[in-house]
Amino acid sequence: MVKFQKFRIGDLFTAESGDTDLKKVDIENNGVPVITSGVQNYGILGLTTKKAKVIPQNTITVDMFGNVYFRDFEYKMVTHARVFSLIPKQNITRSIGLYFQTCLSKHKSKFSYDNMCVFTKLENETIELPIDDAGKLDVEFIENYIRQLEAD
């Protein structure tokens, strides 16, 4: 039987934002993906070579509407569209990132244009995660669960 425990989001992640106001005019046909708010193309605006902070892969983006996407690639973020990155406090795999994405997306209904999602609002929210007998995140369960979903 799988046991679950509530984890505070701020205990699992830190947050980062972009450092350059990237715009559509900065989008080119090559470079690093640029993330903005919204669901169109999973929030990927395009590619750019313009100098801006690069966020590492295996992190999660959250926009002002609470849209959550796991990113298994490096990216840059716009600053004007209120999108931020959740940096896991421990390294995560693609499977764990997708599992976290699903758990975090349950908070989306709390946010809107009038009540934008920011890390200070999200960090005290909780998500329920599977734990092993030692009370630690059950990574093996998550990996097997995602693998099974992808096989179906």
Protein backbone atom coordinates (compact mmCIF):
# COMPACT_ATOMS: atom_id res chain seq x y z
CA MET A 1 0.00 0.00 0.00
CA VAL A 2 1.36 3.39 -0.98
CA LYS A 3 1.54 6.03 1.75
CA PHE A 4 1.17 9.72 0.96
CA GLN A 5 2.27 12.78 2.88
CA LYS A 6 1.62 16.48 2.41
CA PHE A 7 4.68 18.54 1.51
CA ARG A 8 4.84 22.33 1.59
CA ILE A 9 5.81 23.59 -1.88
CA GLY A 10 8.34 26.03 -0.38
CA ASP A 11 10.11 23.08 1.29
CA LEU A 12 10.53 21.36 -2.08
CA PHE A 13 11.37 24.32 -4.34
CA THR A 14 12.97 27.74 -4.52
CA ALA A 15 11.86 30.26 -7.13
CA GLU A 16 13.71 32.19 -9.84
CA SER A 17 12.61 34.80 -12.34
CA GLY A 18 14.06 36.07 -15.57
CA ASP A 19 16.43 39.04 -15.59
CA THR A 20 15.79 40.51 -19.05
CA ASP A 21 12.55 41.77 -20.56
CA LEU A 22 12.54 39.48 -23.59
CA LYS A 23 9.92 40.38 -26.20
CA LYS A 24 8.61 39.03 -29.51
CA VAL A 25 11.16 41.17 -31.36
CA ASP A 26 13.91 39.12 -29.62
CA ILE A 27 12.56 35.82 -30.98
CA GLU A 28 14.74 34.26 -33.67
CA ASN A 29 15.02 30.88 -35.36
CA ASN A 30 17.79 29.68 -33.07
CA GLY A 31 19.06 29.91 -29.53
CA VAL A 32 17.44 29.03 -26.22
CA PRO A 33 13.65 28.65 -25.75
CA VAL A 34 11.87 31.61 -24.16
CA ILE A 35 9.01 30.92 -21.74
CA THR A 36 6.02 33.24 -21.30
CA SER A 37 2.65 32.89 -19.61
CA GLY A 38 -0.18 30.97 -21.23
CA VAL A 39 -0.96 27.53 -22.56
CA GLN A 40 -0.30 28.12 -26.27
CA ASN A 41 2.69 26.01 -27.27
CA TYR A 42 3.13 25.14 -23.55
CA GLY A 43 4.15 28.73 -22.89
CA ILE A 44 7.10 28.60 -25.31
CA LEU A 45 7.30 31.93 -27.13
CA GLY A 46 10.17 30.91 -29.42
CA LEU A 47 13.98 30.88 -29.47
CA THR A 48 16.46 33.65 -28.80
CA THR A 49 20.17 34.31 -28.64
CA LYS A 50 19.64 37.57 -26.73
CA LYS A 51 21.63 37.68 -23.52
CA ALA A 52 19.45 36.73 -20.53
CA LYS A 53 19.62 34.44 -17.52
CA VAL A 54 19.38 30.77 -18.48
CA ILE A 55 17.32 28.59 -16.16
CA PRO A 56 18.57 25.00 -15.85
CA GLN A 57 16.75 21.96 -17.18
CA ASN A 58 14.59 19.73 -14.98
CA THR A 59 12.77 22.65 -13.43
CA ILE A 60 9.12 23.74 -13.52
CA THR A 61 7.60 26.96 -14.78
CA VAL A 62 4.48 28.51 -13.27
CA ASP A 63 2.73 31.47 -14.83
CA MET A 64 0.43 34.09 -13.35
CA PHE A 65 -2.63 31.96 -14.13
CA GLY A 66 -1.22 28.90 -12.37
CA ASN A 67 -0.29 27.02 -15.55
CA VAL A 68 2.48 24.57 -14.67
CA TYR A 69 4.96 22.91 -17.04
CA PHE A 70 7.97 20.69 -16.39
CA ARG A 71 10.96 21.75 -18.52
CA ASP A 72 13.57 19.11 -19.38
CA PHE A 73 15.61 21.72 -21.27
CA GLU A 74 17.36 25.00 -20.45
CA TYR A 75 15.32 28.14 -21.09
CA LYS A 76 15.00 31.88 -20.59
CA MET A 77 11.90 33.67 -19.30
CA VAL A 78 10.15 36.90 -20.15
CA THR A 79 9.80 39.28 -17.21
CA HIS A 80 6.69 41.19 -18.28
CA ALA A 81 4.30 38.18 -18.30
CA ARG A 82 4.69 37.10 -14.70
CA VAL A 83 6.16 33.65 -15.08
CA PHE A 84 8.59 32.12 -12.62
CA SER A 85 10.58 28.95 -12.26
CA LEU A 86 10.42 26.39 -9.48
CA ILE A 87 13.90 25.05 -8.82
CA PRO A 88 13.77 21.71 -7.00
CA LYS A 89 15.86 21.54 -3.82
CA GLN A 90 16.94 18.05 -4.91
CA ASN A 91 17.70 16.85 -8.42
CA ILE A 92 14.69 15.41 -10.21
CA THR A 93 14.26 13.21 -13.23
CA ARG A 94 11.81 13.76 -16.07
CA SER A 95 9.33 11.34 -14.48
CA ILE A 96 9.44 13.07 -11.12
CA GLY A 97 9.11 16.45 -12.84
CA LEU A 98 6.00 15.30 -14.71
CA TYR A 99 4.53 13.92 -11.49
CA PHE A 100 5.21 17.24 -9.70
CA GLN A 101 3.67 19.12 -12.65
CA THR A 102 0.44 17.17 -12.25
CA CYS A 103 0.34 17.68 -8.47
CA LEU A 104 1.08 21.40 -8.75
CA SER A 105 -1.49 21.95 -11.50
CA LYS A 106 -4.26 21.22 -8.98
CA HIS A 107 -3.65 24.71 -7.54
CA LYS A 108 -4.48 26.39 -10.86
CA SER A 109 -8.11 26.99 -9.92
CA LYS A 110 -7.00 29.38 -7.15
CA PHE A 111 -5.47 31.88 -9.57
CA SER A 112 -6.74 34.35 -12.16
CA TYR A 113 -5.86 37.70 -13.69
CA ASP A 114 -7.23 39.37 -10.54
CA ASN A 115 -5.39 36.96 -8.23
CA MET A 116 -2.10 36.21 -9.98
CA CYS A 117 0.03 33.25 -9.00
CA VAL A 118 3.34 34.26 -7.46
CA PHE A 119 5.75 32.16 -5.43
CA THR A 120 4.85 33.90 -2.16
CA LYS A 121 1.26 32.68 -2.62
CA LEU A 122 2.27 29.20 -3.79
CA GLU A 123 5.08 28.39 -1.35
CA ASN A 124 2.78 27.68 1.61
CA GLU A 125 0.40 25.49 -0.41
CA THR A 126 0.88 21.73 -0.15
CA ILE A 127 0.98 18.77 -2.49
CA GLU A 128 0.55 15.13 -1.51
CA LEU A 129 3.41 12.89 -2.56
CA PRO A 130 4.11 9.18 -2.10
CA ILE A 131 6.60 8.34 0.65
CA ASP A 132 8.65 5.25 1.42
CA ASP A 133 8.88 3.50 4.80
CA ALA A 134 11.52 6.03 5.93
CA GLY A 135 9.16 8.95 5.20
CA LYS A 136 11.16 10.13 2.20
CA LEU A 137 9.81 10.83 -1.27
CA ASP A 138 9.20 7.45 -2.92
CA VAL A 139 11.14 8.07 -6.11
CA GLU A 140 10.89 4.45 -7.22
CA PHE A 141 7.08 4.51 -7.01
CA ILE A 142 6.91 7.74 -9.03
CA GLU A 143 9.30 6.46 -11.71
CA ASN A 144 7.33 3.21 -12.08
CA TYR A 145 3.98 5.03 -12.06
CA ILE A 146 4.96 7.43 -14.85
CA ARG A 147 6.58 4.63 -16.85
CA GLN A 148 3.32 2.64 -16.62
CA LEU A 149 1.22 5.64 -17.71
CA GLU A 150 3.46 6.22 -20.70
CA ALA A 151 3.26 2.52 -21.68
CA ASP A 152 -0.56 2.50 -21.68
